[in-house]
């Protein structure tokens, strides 16, 4: 009887059982693994927000309010987004040392992890621009010529056409963009810090911003050529000519006065 039973067993029965077991195992993994990952991500984000709130209470709340609602000494941070925090804190502008017409760039006092925590907390107060990924601001694959056109149209009025910066009104100024991290340039266009207008994707697309960053990298990079001399923000070596014109003309006027004085003295004698 045992031999007869063995003959009647289908040869693919073992394979069917194995495939069934694998399907059940895969289904269980699909059901529980993503949930575990999502839960881990939520936990990490909650921890970042919690730590960011502590940092905010120490370094930011005195000006921006305990809940980021703003005070007479600092604007509301509700809705500014993580990108604004990453720019302001990453460039050392915040926390500000003292009030003034414009907060200057200075040495950063926070670590990258602390900046991420502060950004996570401020982002939790209201939706806003997020910190960009590297492929968004990397100059790879960008159109430098198009970036130059966009920069001269939208930015050169304040920053000079090569990004050297310039003076504004009431003690304000457009800072130089030379040596600035491309990520921070992208975030500045997204968030419009201080006196700068914001350029969302409706004004400048992600590709447009990428092109502008590539242009600035090209004109201010180590491989860019300079005609020599003091170029006055990229205008060329005209400062030497200006010096020669002013002081040369002044010297000629002085000589003319001296000759006239000598001539008058000679006539009197």
Protein backbone atom coordinates (compact mmCIF):
# COMPACT_ATOMS: atom_id res chain seq x y z
CA UNK A 1 0.00 0.00 0.00
CA UNK A 2 2.86 2.43 0.79
CA UNK A 3 4.41 1.84 -2.64
CA UNK A 4 1.03 2.46 -4.34
CA UNK A 5 0.61 5.80 -2.50
CA UNK A 6 4.11 6.87 -3.51
CA UNK A 7 3.31 6.16 -7.17
CA UNK A 8 0.09 8.28 -7.06
CA UNK A 9 1.81 11.42 -5.62
CA UNK A 10 2.17 14.05 -8.34
CA UNK A 11 5.83 14.80 -9.15
CA UNK A 12 5.21 18.60 -8.97
CA UNK A 13 3.58 18.49 -5.55
CA UNK A 14 6.79 19.39 -3.71
CA UNK A 15 7.39 22.31 -6.08
CA UNK A 16 3.85 23.63 -5.55
CA UNK A 17 4.30 23.47 -1.78
CA UNK A 18 7.61 25.32 -2.04
CA UNK A 19 6.14 28.07 -4.22
CA UNK A 20 3.21 28.43 -1.83
CA UNK A 21 5.58 28.81 1.12
CA UNK A 22 7.61 31.44 -0.71
CA UNK A 23 4.46 33.35 -1.65
CA UNK A 24 3.27 33.37 1.95
CA UNK A 25 6.69 34.51 3.19
CA UNK A 26 6.86 37.27 0.57
CA UNK A 27 3.39 38.44 1.44
CA UNK A 28 4.21 38.63 5.11
CA UNK A 29 7.38 40.61 4.37
CA UNK A 30 5.53 43.01 2.11
CA UNK A 31 2.88 43.49 4.76
CA UNK A 32 5.18 44.15 7.69
CA UNK A 33 8.56 45.37 6.39
CA UNK A 34 7.37 48.68 4.85
CA UNK A 35 5.39 49.44 7.96
CA UNK A 36 8.46 48.86 10.09
CA UNK A 37 10.53 51.14 7.83
CA UNK A 38 7.88 53.85 7.83
CA UNK A 39 7.62 53.62 11.59
CA UNK A 40 11.40 53.92 11.91
CA UNK A 41 11.40 56.99 9.65
CA UNK A 42 8.61 58.59 11.66
CA UNK A 43 10.50 57.91 14.87
CA UNK A 44 13.70 59.45 13.51
CA UNK A 45 11.80 62.51 12.26
CA UNK A 46 10.05 62.94 15.61
CA UNK A 47 13.38 62.72 17.41
CA UNK A 48 14.91 65.32 15.05
CA UNK A 49 11.98 67.67 15.69
CA UNK A 50 12.28 67.17 19.45
CA UNK A 51 16.02 67.93 19.45
CA UNK A 52 15.51 70.83 17.06
CA UNK A 53 12.95 72.36 19.42
CA UNK A 54 15.52 72.30 22.22
CA UNK A 55 18.10 74.03 20.03
CA UNK A 56 15.50 76.54 18.91
CA UNK A 57 14.57 77.42 22.50
CA UNK A 58 18.22 78.22 23.29
CA UNK A 59 19.39 80.00 20.15
CA UNK A 60 16.32 81.34 18.33
CA UNK A 61 13.29 81.77 20.60
CA UNK A 62 14.45 85.09 22.10
CA UNK A 63 13.90 86.79 18.72
CA UNK A 64 11.46 84.51 16.88
CA UNK A 65 9.22 83.52 19.81
CA UNK A 66 8.97 80.23 21.65
CA UNK A 67 6.74 78.79 18.93
CA UNK A 68 8.37 80.53 15.99
CA UNK A 69 5.45 82.96 15.76
CA UNK A 70 7.78 85.97 15.58
CA UNK A 71 8.33 89.02 17.79
CA UNK A 72 9.28 92.64 17.34
CA UNK A 73 12.91 91.48 17.09
CA UNK A 74 12.41 88.71 14.53
CA UNK A 75 9.91 87.59 11.89
CA UNK A 76 7.61 84.59 12.09
CA UNK A 77 9.14 81.31 10.93
CA UNK A 78 5.84 79.56 10.30
CA UNK A 79 5.89 78.38 6.69
CA UNK A 80 9.46 79.42 5.82
CA UNK A 81 10.44 75.78 5.43
CA UNK A 82 13.58 73.77 6.09
CA UNK A 83 15.48 75.39 3.20
CA UNK A 84 15.37 78.82 4.86
CA UNK A 85 16.81 77.40 8.08
CA UNK A 86 19.51 75.48 6.23
CA UNK A 87 20.54 78.69 4.42
CA UNK A 88 20.39 81.13 7.32
CA UNK A 89 22.03 78.86 9.90
CA UNK A 90 24.37 77.13 7.44
CA UNK A 91 25.86 80.47 6.35
CA UNK A 92 26.20 81.67 9.94
CA UNK A 93 23.73 84.53 9.50
CA UNK A 94 21.59 83.05 12.24
CA UNK A 95 21.65 83.35 15.15
CA UNK A 96 22.27 87.05 14.56
CA UNK A 97 24.89 88.77 16.71
CA UNK A 98 23.07 92.10 16.74
CA UNK A 99 20.24 93.85 14.89
CA UNK A 100 21.11 95.95 11.88
CA UNK A 101 20.21 96.86 8.33
CA UNK A 102 21.40 93.45 7.19
CA UNK A 103 22.72 90.35 8.92
CA UNK A 104 26.16 89.47 7.51
CA UNK A 105 27.56 86.06 6.74
CA UNK A 106 29.82 84.71 9.47
CA UNK A 107 31.29 81.49 10.82
CA UNK A 108 28.69 78.81 11.48
CA UNK A 109 28.35 77.66 15.11
CA UNK A 110 26.16 74.59 14.54
CA UNK A 111 27.02 71.14 13.23
CA UNK A 112 25.28 69.73 10.15
CA UNK A 113 23.25 67.39 12.35
CA UNK A 114 22.07 70.30 14.52
CA UNK A 115 21.13 72.33 11.43
CA UNK A 116 19.07 69.38 10.19
CA UNK A 117 17.32 69.20 13.56
CA UNK A 118 16.55 72.92 13.59
CA UNK A 119 15.28 72.67 10.03
CA UNK A 120 13.07 69.71 10.94
CA UNK A 121 11.52 71.64 13.84
CA UNK A 122 10.85 74.80 11.82
CA UNK A 123 9.44 72.72 8.96
CA UNK A 124 7.01 71.16 11.44
CA UNK A 125 5.56 74.63 12.14
CA UNK A 126 4.27 74.98 8.59
CA UNK A 127 4.94 73.72 5.08
CA UNK A 128 7.65 75.51 3.10
CA UNK A 129 10.57 74.94 0.70
CA UNK A 130 12.55 71.81 1.49
CA UNK A 131 16.33 71.41 1.51
CA UNK A 132 17.33 70.60 -2.11
CA UNK A 133 19.00 67.37 -3.16
CA UNK A 134 22.47 67.50 -4.71
CA UNK A 135 21.22 66.79 -8.23
CA UNK A 136 19.05 69.92 -8.03
CA UNK A 137 21.95 72.34 -7.61
CA UNK A 138 24.84 70.42 -9.16
CA UNK A 139 26.13 72.21 -12.30
CA UNK A 140 26.36 68.89 -14.12
CA UNK A 141 24.25 68.95 -17.28
CA UNK A 142 23.42 72.66 -16.94
CA UNK A 143 23.37 75.29 -19.71
CA UNK A 144 25.95 77.92 -18.68
CA UNK A 145 24.95 80.33 -21.47
CA UNK A 146 21.29 80.19 -20.47
CA UNK A 147 22.30 80.63 -16.85
CA UNK A 148 24.20 83.80 -17.75
CA UNK A 149 21.13 85.23 -19.50
CA UNK A 150 18.90 84.42 -16.53
CA UNK A 151 21.37 85.84 -14.02
CA UNK A 152 21.83 89.11 -15.91
CA UNK A 153 18.05 89.45 -16.23
CA UNK A 154 17.06 88.62 -12.65
CA UNK A 155 20.09 89.04 -10.39
CA UNK A 156 22.77 91.34 -11.86
CA UNK A 157 20.97 94.53 -10.83
CA UNK A 158 21.98 93.82 -7.23
CA UNK A 159 24.74 91.21 -7.31
CA UNK A 160 26.73 92.56 -10.30
CA UNK A 161 26.76 90.53 -13.51
CA UNK A 162 29.46 88.17 -12.23
CA UNK A 163 28.06 87.89 -8.70
CA UNK A 164 30.61 90.14 -7.01
CA UNK A 165 27.91 91.88 -4.97
CA UNK A 166 26.93 95.52 -4.67
CA UNK A 167 25.54 98.25 -2.44
CA UNK A 168 21.82 98.82 -1.88
CA UNK A 169 19.92 101.50 0.02
CA UNK A 170 19.81 102.26 3.76
CA UNK A 171 22.98 100.34 4.62
CA UNK A 172 21.86 97.15 2.87
CA UNK A 173 23.89 95.29 0.28
CA UNK A 174 23.83 92.33 -2.07
CA UNK A 175 26.57 89.97 -0.87
CA UNK A 176 29.17 88.45 -3.14
CA UNK A 177 28.32 85.01 -4.48
CA UNK A 178 31.93 83.99 -4.99
CA UNK A 179 32.80 80.95 -2.89
CA UNK A 180 29.21 80.37 -1.74
CA UNK A 181 28.05 76.75 -1.55
CA UNK A 182 25.83 75.96 -4.58
CA UNK A 183 23.23 74.51 -2.21
CA UNK A 184 22.98 77.83 -0.38
CA UNK A 185 22.63 79.73 -3.68
CA UNK A 186 19.75 77.44 -4.65
CA UNK A 187 18.13 77.90 -1.22
CA UNK A 188 18.49 81.68 -1.46
CA UNK A 189 16.64 81.69 -4.77
CA UNK A 190 13.94 79.48 -3.25
CA UNK A 191 13.44 81.42 -0.02
CA UNK A 192 14.43 85.04 -0.73
CA UNK A 193 16.50 85.86 2.38
CA UNK A 194 16.45 89.39 3.80
CA UNK A 195 16.27 91.91 0.91
CA UNK A 196 16.26 89.34 -1.88
CA UNK A 197 13.03 88.35 -3.65
CA UNK A 198 12.15 84.66 -3.77
CA UNK A 199 12.18 82.80 -7.08
CA UNK A 200 9.90 79.79 -6.81
CA UNK A 201 9.56 77.27 -9.59
CA UNK A 202 6.91 79.49 -11.14
CA UNK A 203 9.53 82.23 -11.68
CA UNK A 204 12.66 80.14 -12.16
CA UNK A 205 12.33 76.42 -12.73
CA UNK A 206 14.62 73.90 -11.08
CA UNK A 207 16.60 73.70 -14.33
CA UNK A 208 16.82 77.51 -14.49
CA UNK A 209 18.32 77.61 -11.00
CA UNK A 210 20.74 74.87 -11.97
CA UNK A 211 21.81 76.90 -15.03
CA UNK A 212 22.40 80.03 -12.92
CA UNK A 213 24.52 78.10 -10.43
CA UNK A 214 26.56 76.64 -13.30
CA UNK A 215 27.11 80.15 -14.70
CA UNK A 216 28.35 81.49 -11.37
CA UNK A 217 30.62 78.50 -10.99
CA UNK A 218 32.07 79.18 -14.44
CA UNK A 219 32.72 82.91 -14.06
CA UNK A 220 34.08 82.66 -10.52
CA UNK A 221 35.84 79.31 -10.76
CA UNK A 222 39.59 78.73 -10.70
CA UNK A 223 39.64 78.18 -14.46
CA UNK A 224 37.99 81.50 -15.34
CA UNK A 225 40.33 84.00 -17.02
CA UNK A 226 40.89 87.53 -15.74
CA UNK A 227 42.32 90.31 -17.93
CA UNK A 228 44.46 91.36 -14.96
CA UNK A 229 44.48 94.29 -12.63
CA UNK A 230 41.66 95.38 -10.35
CA UNK A 231 38.68 94.33 -12.43
CA UNK A 232 36.00 96.28 -10.52
CA UNK A 233 33.66 93.35 -10.25
CA UNK A 234 34.42 91.81 -13.61
CA UNK A 235 34.33 95.00 -15.71
CA UNK A 236 37.98 94.62 -16.69
CA UNK A 237 41.24 96.38 -15.71
CA UNK A 238 39.67 99.86 -15.82
CA UNK A 239 40.63 100.90 -12.31
CA UNK A 240 44.21 101.55 -13.41
CA UNK A 241 42.90 103.84 -16.17
CA UNK A 242 40.65 105.60 -13.68
CA UNK A 243 43.60 106.10 -11.34
CA UNK A 244 45.72 107.46 -14.18
CA UNK A 245 42.96 109.75 -15.36
CA UNK A 246 42.20 111.28 -11.95
CA UNK A 247 45.75 111.63 -10.66
CA UNK A 248 47.23 112.37 -14.10
CA UNK A 249 44.73 115.14 -14.68
CA UNK A 250 45.33 116.41 -11.16
CA UNK A 251 49.08 116.47 -11.81
CA UNK A 252 48.55 118.40 -15.04
CA UNK A 253 46.39 120.97 -13.22
CA UNK A 254 49.06 121.32 -10.51
CA UNK A 255 51.79 121.84 -13.13
CA UNK A 256 49.65 124.42 -14.94
CA UNK A 257 49.10 126.35 -11.70
CA UNK A 258 52.81 126.21 -10.94
CA UNK A 259 53.74 127.48 -14.41
CA UNK A 260 51.17 130.27 -14.17
CA UNK A 261 52.48 131.28 -10.74
CA UNK A 262 56.10 131.32 -11.99
CA UNK A 263 55.11 133.34 -15.05
CA UNK A 264 53.27 135.93 -12.96
CA UNK A 265 56.23 136.22 -10.57
CA UNK A 266 58.65 136.64 -13.47
CA UNK A 267 56.55 139.48 -14.97
CA UNK A 268 56.42 141.33 -11.66
CA UNK A 269 60.14 141.12 -11.23
